[in-house]
PDB file of N, CA and C in Angstrom:
ATOM      1  N   UNK A   1      -3.529  -7.844  -6.974  1.00  0.00           N
ATOM      2  CA  UNK A   1      -2.921  -8.810  -7.987  1.00  0.00           C
ATOM      3  C   UNK A   1      -2.311  -9.896  -7.167  1.00  0.00           C
ATOM      4  N   UNK A   2      -2.320 -11.099  -7.810  1.00  0.00           N
ATOM      5  CA  UNK A   2      -1.806 -12.302  -7.187  1.00  0.00           C
ATOM      6  C   UNK A   2      -0.242 -12.371  -7.376  1.00  0.00           C
ATOM      7  N   UNK A   3       0.359 -13.163  -6.721  1.00  0.00           N
ATOM      8  CA  UNK A   3       1.820 -13.404  -6.744  1.00  0.00           C
ATOM      9  C   UNK A   3       2.212 -13.604  -8.148  1.00  0.00           C
ATOM     10  N   UNK A   4       3.230 -12.925  -8.705  1.00  0.00           N
ATOM     11  CA  UNK A   4       3.901 -13.067  -9.977  1.00  0.00           C
ATOM     12  C   UNK A   4       3.117 -12.239 -11.049  1.00  0.00           C
ATOM     13  N   UNK A   5       1.972 -11.585 -10.714  1.00  0.00           N
ATOM     14  CA  UNK A   5       1.061 -10.927 -11.561  1.00  0.00           C
ATOM     15  C   UNK A   5       1.617  -9.518 -11.558  1.00  0.00           C
ATOM     16  N   UNK A   6       1.807  -8.852 -12.959  1.00  0.00           N
ATOM     17  CA  UNK A   6       2.092  -7.524 -13.005  1.00  0.00           C
ATOM     18  C   UNK A   6       1.045  -6.795 -13.652  1.00  0.00           C
ATOM     19  N   UNK A   7       0.636  -5.611 -13.156  1.00  0.00           N
ATOM     20  CA  UNK A   7      -0.422  -4.834 -13.816  1.00  0.00           C
ATOM     21  C   UNK A   7       0.087  -3.705 -14.617  1.00  0.00           C
ATOM     22  N   UNK A   8      -0.229  -3.617 -15.900  1.00  0.00           N
ATOM     23  CA  UNK A   8       0.321  -2.541 -16.740  1.00  0.00           C
ATOM     24  C   UNK A   8      -1.007  -2.042 -17.456  1.00  0.00           C
ATOM     25  N   UNK A   9      -1.155  -0.714 -17.472  1.00  0.00           N
ATOM     26  CA  UNK A   9      -2.345  -0.167 -17.993  1.00  0.00           C
ATOM     27  C   UNK A   9      -1.893   0.771 -19.289  1.00  0.00           C
ATOM     28  N   UNK A  10      -2.468   0.573 -20.520  1.00  0.00           N
ATOM     29  CA  UNK A  10      -2.162   1.405 -21.524  1.00  0.00           C
ATOM     30  C   UNK A  10      -3.275   2.124 -22.214  1.00  0.00           C
ATOM     31  N   UNK A  11      -3.071   3.028 -23.175  1.00  0.00           N
ATOM     32  CA  UNK A  11      -4.080   3.681 -23.998  1.00  0.00           C
ATOM     33  C   UNK A  11      -3.493   4.044 -25.295  1.00  0.00           C
ATOM     34  N   UNK A  12      -4.226   4.680 -26.189  1.00  0.00           N
ATOM     35  CA  UNK A  12      -3.818   5.191 -27.515  1.00  0.00           C
ATOM     36  C   UNK A  12      -4.179   6.604 -27.637  1.00  0.00           C
ATOM     37  N   UNK A  13      -3.145   7.479 -27.926  1.00  0.00           N
ATOM     38  CA  UNK A  13      -3.500   8.940 -28.200  1.00  0.00           C
ATOM     39  C   UNK A  13      -3.015   9.206 -29.516  1.00  0.00           C
ATOM     40  N   UNK A  14      -4.040   9.786 -30.361  1.00  0.00           N
ATOM     41  CA  UNK A  14      -3.605  10.067 -31.702  1.00  0.00           C
ATOM     42  C   UNK A  14      -2.985   8.865 -32.455  1.00  0.00           C
ATOM     43  N   UNK A  15      -3.463   7.697 -32.221  1.00  0.00           N
ATOM     44  CA  UNK A  15      -2.845   6.488 -33.000  1.00  0.00           C
ATOM     45  C   UNK A  15      -1.550   6.017 -32.339  1.00  0.00           C
ATOM     46  N   UNK A  16      -1.035   6.601 -31.261  1.00  0.00           N
ATOM     47  CA  UNK A  16       0.286   6.176 -30.719  1.00  0.00           C
ATOM     48  C   UNK A  16      -0.074   5.578 -29.413  1.00  0.00           C
ATOM     49  N   UNK A  17       0.329   4.216 -29.254  1.00  0.00           N
ATOM     50  CA  UNK A  17       0.222   3.599 -27.843  1.00  0.00           C
ATOM     51  C   UNK A  17       1.037   4.143 -26.881  1.00  0.00           C
ATOM     52  N   UNK A  18       0.447   4.226 -25.640  1.00  0.00           N
ATOM     53  CA  UNK A  18       1.236   4.658 -24.527  1.00  0.00           C
ATOM     54  C   UNK A  18       0.933   3.849 -23.224  1.00  0.00           C
ATOM     55  N   UNK A  19       1.956   3.606 -22.455  1.00  0.00           N
ATOM     56  CA  UNK A  19       1.722   2.905 -21.146  1.00  0.00           C
ATOM     57  C   UNK A  19       1.467   4.190 -20.266  1.00  0.00           C
ATOM     58  N   UNK A  20       0.499   4.030 -19.337  1.00  0.00           N
ATOM     59  CA  UNK A  20       0.054   5.089 -18.376  1.00  0.00           C
ATOM     60  C   UNK A  20       0.177   4.641 -17.007  1.00  0.00           C
ATOM     61  N   UNK A  21       0.269   3.349 -16.730  1.00  0.00           N
ATOM     62  CA  UNK A  21       0.318   2.863 -15.297  1.00  0.00           C
ATOM     63  C   UNK A  21       1.036   1.566 -15.335  1.00  0.00           C
ATOM     64  N   UNK A  22       2.075   1.503 -14.303  1.00  0.00           N
ATOM     65  CA  UNK A  22       2.832   0.192 -14.034  1.00  0.00           C
ATOM     66  C   UNK A  22       2.873  -0.075 -12.586  1.00  0.00           C
ATOM     67  N   UNK A  23       2.552  -1.246 -12.240  1.00  0.00           N
ATOM     68  CA  UNK A  23       2.442  -1.688 -10.816  1.00  0.00           C
ATOM     69  C   UNK A  23       1.300  -0.817 -10.322  1.00  0.00           C
ATOM     70  N   UNK A  24       1.287  -0.101  -9.360  1.00  0.00           N
ATOM     71  CA  UNK A  24       0.264   0.679  -8.839  1.00  0.00           C
ATOM     72  C   UNK A  24       0.589   2.266  -8.917  1.00  0.00           C
ATOM     73  N   UNK A  25       1.465   2.475  -9.876  1.00  0.00           N
ATOM     74  CA  UNK A  25       1.960   3.817 -10.091  1.00  0.00           C
ATOM     75  C   UNK A  25       1.616   4.557 -11.403  1.00  0.00           C
ATOM     76  N   UNK A  26       1.234   5.742 -11.462  1.00  0.00           N
ATOM     77  CA  UNK A  26       1.018   6.421 -12.712  1.00  0.00           C
ATOM     78  C   UNK A  26       2.390   6.855 -13.332  1.00  0.00           C
ATOM     79  N   UNK A  27       2.588   6.467 -14.496  1.00  0.00           N
ATOM     80  CA  UNK A  27       3.756   6.905 -15.203  1.00  0.00           C
ATOM     81  C   UNK A  27       3.406   6.764 -16.798  1.00  0.00           C
ATOM     82  N   UNK A  28       3.740   7.760 -17.540  1.00  0.00           N
ATOM     83  CA  UNK A  28       3.347   7.733 -18.946  1.00  0.00           C
ATOM     84  C   UNK A  28       4.485   7.777 -19.959  1.00  0.00           C
ATOM     85  N   UNK A  29       4.550   6.828 -20.949  1.00  0.00           N
ATOM     86  CA  UNK A  29       5.576   6.778 -21.923  1.00  0.00           C
ATOM     87  C   UNK A  29       5.256   6.010 -23.075  1.00  0.00           C
ATOM     88  N   UNK A  30       5.867   6.208 -24.279  1.00  0.00           N
ATOM     89  CA  UNK A  30       5.691   5.424 -25.485  1.00  0.00           C
ATOM     90  C   UNK A  30       6.554   4.224 -25.399  1.00  0.00           C
ATOM     91  N   UNK A  31       5.934   3.064 -25.531  1.00  0.00           N
ATOM     92  CA  UNK A  31       6.818   1.867 -25.341  1.00  0.00           C
ATOM     93  C   UNK A  31       7.547   1.415 -26.499  1.00  0.00           C
ATOM     94  N   UNK A  32       8.681   1.857 -26.807  1.00  0.00           N
ATOM     95  CA  UNK A  32       9.619   1.383 -27.890  1.00  0.00           C
ATOM     96  C   UNK A  32      11.085   1.466 -27.513  1.00  0.00           C
ATOM     97  N   UNK A  33      11.825   0.699 -28.130  1.00  0.00           N
ATOM     98  CA  UNK A  33      13.300   0.695 -28.009  1.00  0.00           C
ATOM     99  C   UNK A  33      13.714  -0.040 -26.664  1.00  0.00           C
ATOM    100  N   UNK A  34      14.816   0.611 -26.138  1.00  0.00           N
ATOM    101  CA  UNK A  34      15.374   0.010 -24.952  1.00  0.00           C
ATOM    102  C   UNK A  34      14.696   0.674 -23.756  1.00  0.00           C
ATOM    103  N   UNK A  35      14.164   0.015 -22.882  1.00  0.00           N
ATOM    104  CA  UNK A  35      13.443   0.610 -21.745  1.00  0.00           C
ATOM    105  C   UNK A  35      13.954  -0.047 -20.398  1.00  0.00           C
ATOM    106  N   UNK A  36      14.354   0.686 -19.497  1.00  0.00           N
ATOM    107  CA  UNK A  36      14.715   0.299 -18.216  1.00  0.00           C
ATOM    108  C   UNK A  36      13.739   0.738 -17.141  1.00  0.00           C
ATOM    109  N   UNK A  37      13.148  -0.285 -16.501  1.00  0.00           N
ATOM    110  CA  UNK A  37      12.078   0.095 -15.463  1.00  0.00           C
ATOM    111  C   UNK A  37      12.701  -0.202 -14.036  1.00  0.00           C
ATOM    112  N   UNK A  38      12.568   0.637 -13.232  1.00  0.00           N
ATOM    113  CA  UNK A  38      13.060   0.428 -11.772  1.00  0.00           C
ATOM    114  C   UNK A  38      12.011   1.024 -10.792  1.00  0.00           C
ATOM    115  N   UNK A  39      11.861   0.196  -9.697  1.00  0.00           N
ATOM    116  CA  UNK A  39      11.026   0.633  -8.600  1.00  0.00           C
ATOM    117  C   UNK A  39      11.848   0.528  -7.381  1.00  0.00           C
ATOM    118  N   UNK A  40      11.746   1.547  -6.509  1.00  0.00           N
ATOM    119  CA  UNK A  40      12.609   1.662  -5.279  1.00  0.00           C
ATOM    120  C   UNK A  40      11.950   2.688  -4.360  1.00  0.00           C
ATOM    121  N   UNK A  41      12.465   2.666  -3.174  1.00  0.00           N
ATOM    122  CA  UNK A  41      12.078   3.603  -2.178  1.00  0.00           C
ATOM    123  C   UNK A  41      12.516   4.983  -2.524  1.00  0.00           C
ATOM    124  N   UNK A  42      11.591   5.924  -2.657  1.00  0.00           N
ATOM    125  CA  UNK A  42      11.925   7.393  -3.043  1.00  0.00           C
ATOM    126  C   UNK A  42      12.628   8.102  -2.109  1.00  0.00           C
ATOM    127  N   UNK A  43      13.898   8.485  -2.381  1.00  0.00           N
ATOM    128  CA  UNK A  43      14.743   9.266  -1.589  1.00  0.00           C
ATOM    129  C   UNK A  43      15.716  10.121  -2.341  1.00  0.00           C
ATOM    130  N   UNK A  44      16.227  11.102  -1.831  1.00  0.00           N
ATOM    131  CA  UNK A  44      17.185  11.997  -2.585  1.00  0.00           C
ATOM    132  C   UNK A  44      18.432  11.305  -3.115  1.00  0.00           C
ATOM    133  N   UNK A  45      18.757  11.725  -4.365  1.00  0.00           N
ATOM    134  CA  UNK A  45      19.923  11.075  -5.006  1.00  0.00           C
ATOM    135  C   UNK A  45      19.799   9.933  -6.030  1.00  0.00           C
ATOM    136  N   UNK A  46      18.559   9.283  -5.969  1.00  0.00           N
ATOM    137  CA  UNK A  46      18.339   8.142  -6.759  1.00  0.00           C
ATOM    138  C   UNK A  46      18.377   8.369  -8.151  1.00  0.00           C
ATOM    139  N   UNK A  47      17.879   9.379  -8.675  1.00  0.00           N
ATOM    140  CA  UNK A  47      17.945   9.634 -10.153  1.00  0.00           C
ATOM    141  C   UNK A  47      19.414  10.040 -10.630  1.00  0.00           C
ATOM    142  N   UNK A  48      20.046  10.771  -9.680  1.00  0.00           N
ATOM    143  CA  UNK A  48      21.429  11.006  -9.932  1.00  0.00           C
ATOM    144  C   UNK A  48      22.264   9.808 -10.033  1.00  0.00           C
ATOM    145  N   UNK A  49      22.213   8.882  -9.143  1.00  0.00           N
ATOM    146  CA  UNK A  49      22.876   7.635  -9.095  1.00  0.00           C
ATOM    147  C   UNK A  49      22.609   6.860 -10.374  1.00  0.00           C
ATOM    148  N   UNK A  50      21.375   6.712 -10.916  1.00  0.00           N
ATOM    149  CA  UNK A  50      21.100   6.048 -12.095  1.00  0.00           C
ATOM    150  C   UNK A  50      21.737   6.678 -13.267  1.00  0.00           C
ATOM    151  N   UNK A  51      21.659   8.040 -13.358  1.00  0.00           N
ATOM    152  CA  UNK A  51      22.346   8.725 -14.484  1.00  0.00           C
ATOM    153  C   UNK A  51      23.693   8.611 -14.495  1.00  0.00           C
ATOM    154  N   UNK A  52      24.414   8.806 -13.366  1.00  0.00           N
ATOM    155  CA  UNK A  52      25.823   8.662 -13.201  1.00  0.00           C
ATOM    156  C   UNK A  52      26.390   7.197 -13.683  1.00  0.00           C
ATOM    157  N   UNK A  53      25.706   6.182 -13.260  1.00  0.00           N
ATOM    158  CA  UNK A  53      26.073   4.848 -13.526  1.00  0.00           C
ATOM    159  C   UNK A  53      25.894   4.678 -15.145  1.00  0.00           C
ATOM    160  N   UNK A  54      24.738   5.026 -15.589  1.00  0.00           N
ATOM    161  CA  UNK A  54      24.532   4.782 -17.067  1.00  0.00           C
ATOM    162  C   UNK A  54      25.544   5.707 -17.876  1.00  0.00           C
ATOM    163  N   UNK A  55      25.770   6.905 -17.437  1.00  0.00           N
ATOM    164  CA  UNK A  55      26.733   7.779 -18.181  1.00  0.00           C
ATOM    165  C   UNK A  55      28.093   7.335 -18.232  1.00  0.00           C
ATOM    166  N   UNK A  56      28.506   6.878 -17.072  1.00  0.00           N
ATOM    167  CA  UNK A  56      29.835   6.240 -16.925  1.00  0.00           C
ATOM    168  C   UNK A  56      30.111   5.164 -17.862  1.00  0.00           C
ATOM    169  N   UNK A  57      29.000   4.347 -18.143  1.00  0.00           N
ATOM    170  CA  UNK A  57      29.042   3.206 -19.046  1.00  0.00           C
ATOM    171  C   UNK A  57      28.566   3.546 -20.382  1.00  0.00           C
ATOM    172  N   UNK A  58      28.623   4.810 -20.791  1.00  0.00           N
ATOM    173  CA  UNK A  58      28.206   5.184 -22.106  1.00  0.00           C
ATOM    174  C   UNK A  58      26.855   4.840 -22.635  1.00  0.00           C
ATOM    175  N   UNK A  59      25.930   4.770 -21.668  1.00  0.00           N
ATOM    176  CA  UNK A  59      24.439   4.549 -22.107  1.00  0.00           C
ATOM    177  C   UNK A  59      23.761   5.819 -22.028  1.00  0.00           C
ATOM    178  N   UNK A  60      23.176   6.437 -23.015  1.00  0.00           N
ATOM    179  CA  UNK A  60      22.469   7.581 -23.002  1.00  0.00           C
ATOM    180  C   UNK A  60      21.027   7.496 -22.676  1.00  0.00           C
ATOM    181  N   UNK A  61      20.548   8.385 -21.841  1.00  0.00           N
ATOM    182  CA  UNK A  61      19.129   8.508 -21.564  1.00  0.00           C
ATOM    183  C   UNK A  61      18.380   9.339 -22.439  1.00  0.00           C
ATOM    184  N   UNK A  62      17.532   8.854 -23.278  1.00  0.00           N
ATOM    185  CA  UNK A  62      16.734   9.646 -24.309  1.00  0.00           C
ATOM    186  C   UNK A  62      15.597  10.297 -23.509  1.00  0.00           C
ATOM    187  N   UNK A  63      14.982   9.660 -22.590  1.00  0.00           N
ATOM    188  CA  UNK A  63      13.959  10.366 -21.739  1.00  0.00           C
ATOM    189  C   UNK A  63      13.664   9.564 -20.447  1.00  0.00           C
ATOM    190  N   UNK A  64      13.199  10.220 -19.459  1.00  0.00           N
ATOM    191  CA  UNK A  64      12.944   9.649 -18.222  1.00  0.00           C
ATOM    192  C   UNK A  64      11.562   9.964 -17.655  1.00  0.00           C
ATOM    193  N   UNK A  65      10.907   9.040 -17.172  1.00  0.00           N
ATOM    194  CA  UNK A  65       9.514   9.256 -16.697  1.00  0.00           C
ATOM    195  C   UNK A  65       9.412   8.706 -15.246  1.00  0.00           C
ATOM    196  N   UNK A  66       8.963   9.470 -14.224  1.00  0.00           N
ATOM    197  CA  UNK A  66       9.073   9.134 -12.885  1.00  0.00           C
ATOM    198  C   UNK A  66       7.685   9.174 -12.358  1.00  0.00           C
ATOM    199  N   UNK A  67       7.208   8.245 -11.563  1.00  0.00           N
ATOM    200  CA  UNK A  67       5.978   8.316 -10.916  1.00  0.00           C
ATOM    201  C   UNK A  67       6.051   7.823  -9.487  1.00  0.00           C
ATOM    202  N   UNK A  68       5.190   8.441  -8.621  1.00  0.00           N
ATOM    203  CA  UNK A  68       5.080   7.974  -7.206  1.00  0.00           C
ATOM    204  C   UNK A  68       3.811   8.271  -6.671  1.00  0.00           C
ATOM    205  N   UNK A  69       3.439   7.630  -5.644  1.00  0.00           N
ATOM    206  CA  UNK A  69       2.020   7.891  -5.096  1.00  0.00           C
ATOM    207  C   UNK A  69       2.188   8.740  -3.888  1.00  0.00           C
ATOM    208  N   UNK A  70       3.123   8.550  -2.964  1.00  0.00           N
ATOM    209  CA  UNK A  70       3.351   9.509  -1.842  1.00  0.00           C
ATOM    210  C   UNK A  70       4.766   9.888  -1.686  1.00  0.00           C
ATOM    211  N   UNK A  71       5.018  10.956  -1.085  1.00  0.00           N
ATOM    212  CA  UNK A  71       6.281  11.540  -0.793  1.00  0.00           C
ATOM    213  C   UNK A  71       7.136  10.533  -0.080  1.00  0.00           C
ATOM    214  N   UNK A  72       8.409  10.242  -0.578  1.00  0.00           N
ATOM    215  CA  UNK A  72       9.280   9.388   0.159  1.00  0.00           C
ATOM    216  C   UNK A  72       8.756   7.843   0.165  1.00  0.00           C
ATOM    217  N   UNK A  73       7.654   7.643  -0.664  1.00  0.00           N
ATOM    218  CA  UNK A  73       7.100   6.314  -0.698  1.00  0.00           C
ATOM    219  C   UNK A  73       7.861   5.460  -1.827  1.00  0.00           C
ATOM    220  N   UNK A  74       7.152   4.515  -2.398  1.00  0.00           N
ATOM    221  CA  UNK A  74       7.753   3.807  -3.534  1.00  0.00           C
ATOM    222  C   UNK A  74       7.582   4.623  -4.713  1.00  0.00           C
ATOM    223  N   UNK A  75       8.741   4.683  -5.643  1.00  0.00           N
ATOM    224  CA  UNK A  75       8.755   5.318  -6.851  1.00  0.00           C
ATOM    225  C   UNK A  75       9.032   4.378  -7.929  1.00  0.00           C
ATOM    226  N   UNK A  76       8.631   4.769  -9.127  1.00  0.00           N
ATOM    227  CA  UNK A  76       8.910   4.015 -10.331  1.00  0.00           C
ATOM    228  C   UNK A  76       9.596   5.011 -11.305  1.00  0.00           C
ATOM    229  N   UNK A  77      10.720   4.474 -12.038  1.00  0.00           N
ATOM    230  CA  UNK A  77      11.270   5.323 -12.972  1.00  0.00           C
ATOM    231  C   UNK A  77      11.326   4.447 -14.352  1.00  0.00           C
ATOM    232  N   UNK A  78      11.003   5.096 -15.463  1.00  0.00           N
ATOM    233  CA  UNK A  78      11.044   4.425 -16.753  1.00  0.00           C
ATOM    234  C   UNK A  78      12.059   5.344 -17.525  1.00  0.00           C
ATOM    235  N   UNK A  79      13.059   4.600 -17.877  1.00  0.00           N
ATOM    236  CA  UNK A  79      14.167   5.357 -18.864  1.00  0.00           C
ATOM    237  C   UNK A  79      14.096   4.756 -20.222  1.00  0.00           C
ATOM    238  N   UNK A  80      13.905   5.504 -21.197  1.00  0.00           N
ATOM    239  CA  UNK A  80      14.029   5.246 -22.563  1.00  0.00           C
ATOM    240  C   UNK A  80      15.521   5.429 -22.988  1.00  0.00           C
ATOM    241  N   UNK A  81      16.212   4.455 -23.333  1.00  0.00           N
ATOM    242  CA  UNK A  81      17.622   4.577 -23.640  1.00  0.00           C
ATOM    243  C   UNK A  81      18.033   4.433 -25.179  1.00  0.00           C
ATOM    244  N   UNK A  82      19.148   5.027 -25.485  1.00  0.00           N
ATOM    245  CA  UNK A  82      19.665   4.963 -26.841  1.00  0.00           C
ATOM    246  C   UNK A  82      20.336   3.659 -27.069  1.00  0.00           C
ATOM    247  N   UNK A  83      20.996   3.143 -25.983  1.00  0.00           N
ATOM    248  CA  UNK A  83      21.639   1.922 -26.096  1.00  0.00           C
ATOM    249  C   UNK A  83      21.116   0.781 -25.195  1.00  0.00           C
ATOM    250  N   UNK A  84      21.562  -0.439 -25.411  1.00  0.00           N
ATOM    251  CA  UNK A  84      21.220  -1.524 -24.453  1.00  0.00           C
ATOM    252  C   UNK A  84      22.039  -1.364 -23.208  1.00  0.00           C
ATOM    253  N   UNK A  85      21.576  -1.993 -22.116  1.00  0.00           N
ATOM    254  CA  UNK A  85      22.379  -2.029 -20.790  1.00  0.00           C
ATOM    255  C   UNK A  85      23.006  -3.291 -20.622  1.00  0.00           C
ATOM    256  N   UNK A  86      24.415  -3.461 -20.558  1.00  0.00           N
ATOM    257  CA  UNK A  86      24.962  -4.577 -20.299  1.00  0.00           C
ATOM    258  C   UNK A  86      24.483  -5.297 -18.948  1.00  0.00           C
ATOM    259  N   UNK A  87      24.530  -6.506 -18.759  1.00  0.00           N
ATOM    260  CA  UNK A  87      24.035  -7.106 -17.414  1.00  0.00           C
ATOM    261  C   UNK A  87      24.825  -6.673 -16.145  1.00  0.00           C
ATOM    262  N   UNK A  88      26.092  -6.429 -16.264  1.00  0.00           N
ATOM    263  CA  UNK A  88      26.900  -5.904 -15.203  1.00  0.00           C
ATOM    264  C   UNK A  88      26.438  -4.473 -14.757  1.00  0.00           C
ATOM    265  N   UNK A  89      26.169  -3.640 -15.753  1.00  0.00           N
ATOM    266  CA  UNK A  89      25.683  -2.231 -15.457  1.00  0.00           C
ATOM    267  C   UNK A  89      24.271  -2.348 -14.802  1.00  0.00           C
ATOM    268  N   UNK A  90      23.410  -3.136 -15.400  1.00  0.00           N
ATOM    269  CA  UNK A  90      22.014  -3.329 -14.992  1.00  0.00           C
ATOM    270  C   UNK A  90      22.194  -3.762 -13.407  1.00  0.00           C
ATOM    271  N   UNK A  91      23.005  -4.723 -12.989  1.00  0.00           N
ATOM    272  CA  UNK A  91      23.177  -5.086 -11.640  1.00  0.00           C
ATOM    273  C   UNK A  91      23.680  -3.975 -10.763  1.00  0.00           C
ATOM    274  N   UNK A  92      24.576  -3.235 -11.296  1.00  0.00           N
ATOM    275  CA  UNK A  92      25.121  -1.981 -10.583  1.00  0.00           C
ATOM    276  C   UNK A  92      24.013  -1.040 -10.275  1.00  0.00           C
ATOM    277  N   UNK A  93      23.196  -0.640 -11.263  1.00  0.00           N
ATOM    278  CA  UNK A  93      22.044   0.338 -11.071  1.00  0.00           C
ATOM    279  C   UNK A  93      21.117  -0.357 -10.047  1.00  0.00           C
ATOM    280  N   UNK A  94      20.721  -1.549 -10.135  1.00  0.00           N
ATOM    281  CA  UNK A  94      19.729  -2.210  -9.247  1.00  0.00           C
ATOM    282  C   UNK A  94      20.207  -2.106  -7.735  1.00  0.00           C
ATOM    283  N   UNK A  95      21.629  -2.367  -7.547  1.00  0.00           N
ATOM    284  CA  UNK A  95      22.201  -2.355  -6.161  1.00  0.00           C
ATOM    285  C   UNK A  95      22.177  -0.850  -5.731  1.00  0.00           C
ATOM    286  N   UNK A  96      22.595   0.048  -6.726  1.00  0.00           N
ATOM    287  CA  UNK A  96      22.670   1.446  -6.182  1.00  0.00           C
ATOM    288  C   UNK A  96      21.400   2.144  -5.655  1.00  0.00           C
ATOM    289  N   UNK A  97      20.322   1.707  -6.320  1.00  0.00           N
ATOM    290  CA  UNK A  97      19.025   2.362  -5.806  1.00  0.00           C
ATOM    291  C   UNK A  97      18.276   1.360  -4.867  1.00  0.00           C
ATOM    292  N   UNK A  98      18.830   0.210  -4.593  1.00  0.00           N
ATOM    293  CA  UNK A  98      18.134  -0.879  -3.771  1.00  0.00           C
ATOM    294  C   UNK A  98      16.777  -1.222  -4.359  1.00  0.00           C
ATOM    295  N   UNK A  99      16.765  -1.489  -5.763  1.00  0.00           N
ATOM    296  CA  UNK A  99      15.522  -1.663  -6.441  1.00  0.00           C
ATOM    297  C   UNK A  99      14.816  -2.932  -6.003  1.00  0.00           C
ATOM    298  N   UNK A 100      13.432  -2.734  -5.857  1.00  0.00           N
ATOM    299  CA  UNK A 100      12.691  -3.845  -5.427  1.00  0.00           C
ATOM    300  C   UNK A 100      12.102  -4.590  -6.740  1.00  0.00           C
ATOM    301  N   UNK A 101      12.265  -3.939  -7.885  1.00  0.00           N
ATOM    302  CA  UNK A 101      11.758  -4.302  -9.183  1.00  0.00           C
ATOM    303  C   UNK A 101      12.679  -3.810 -10.326  1.00  0.00           C
ATOM    304  N   UNK A 102      13.213  -4.501 -11.116  1.00  0.00           N
ATOM    305  CA  UNK A 102      14.164  -4.008 -12.195  1.00  0.00           C
ATOM    306  C   UNK A 102      13.921  -4.800 -13.353  1.00  0.00           C
ATOM    307  N   UNK A 103      13.701  -4.243 -14.612  1.00  0.00           N
ATOM    308  CA  UNK A 103      13.487  -4.987 -15.759  1.00  0.00           C
ATOM    309  C   UNK A 103      14.106  -4.203 -16.859  1.00  0.00           C
ATOM    310  N   UNK A 104      14.695  -4.869 -17.806  1.00  0.00           N
ATOM    311  CA  UNK A 104      15.248  -4.239 -19.055  1.00  0.00           C
ATOM    312  C   UNK A 104      14.290  -4.875 -20.142  1.00  0.00           C
ATOM    313  N   UNK A 105      13.588  -3.980 -20.866  1.00  0.00           N
ATOM    314  CA  UNK A 105      12.609  -4.320 -21.931  1.00  0.00           C
ATOM    315  C   UNK A 105      13.169  -3.829 -23.211  1.00  0.00           C
ATOM    316  N   UNK A 106      13.000  -4.611 -24.212  1.00  0.00           N
ATOM    317  CA  UNK A 106      13.340  -4.333 -25.611  1.00  0.00           C
ATOM    318  C   UNK A 106      12.031  -4.406 -26.504  1.00  0.00           C
ATOM    319  N   UNK A 107      11.626  -3.287 -27.100  1.00  0.00           N
ATOM    320  CA  UNK A 107      10.430  -3.295 -27.909  1.00  0.00           C
ATOM    321  C   UNK A 107      10.880  -2.654 -29.242  1.00  0.00           C
ATOM    322  N   UNK A 108      10.722  -3.337 -30.427  1.00  0.00           N
ATOM    323  CA  UNK A 108      10.988  -2.730 -31.664  1.00  0.00           C
ATOM    324  C   UNK A 108      10.174  -1.573 -31.945  1.00  0.00           C
ATOM    325  N   UNK A 109      10.670  -0.532 -32.518  1.00  0.00           N
ATOM    326  CA  UNK A 109       9.962   0.731 -32.828  1.00  0.00           C
ATOM    327  C   UNK A 109       9.029   0.382 -34.067  1.00  0.00           C
TER     328      UNK A 109
END
């Protein structure tokens, strides 16, 4: 993919759209609501850091989907959230996991 291009693959199962690949990593989720997408170097404690920061800021994780290609390589995590993430909390999460990609997406159900 060229600079600035993002690759996302999707499909439909039983009439429900699903994202099945983001960047070059397999990850499956239903795209709706508040969605936090992070890509970072896979290492112990990253999921815990994300959950702790969101929990401390009263943001509930409805579901989490993680993908990676190789052990301790690059990982992607997609969090479906019950609440929006304030900008300062988003920044704290990005810094905590040293994210190389971070986006908050809102899709009406």
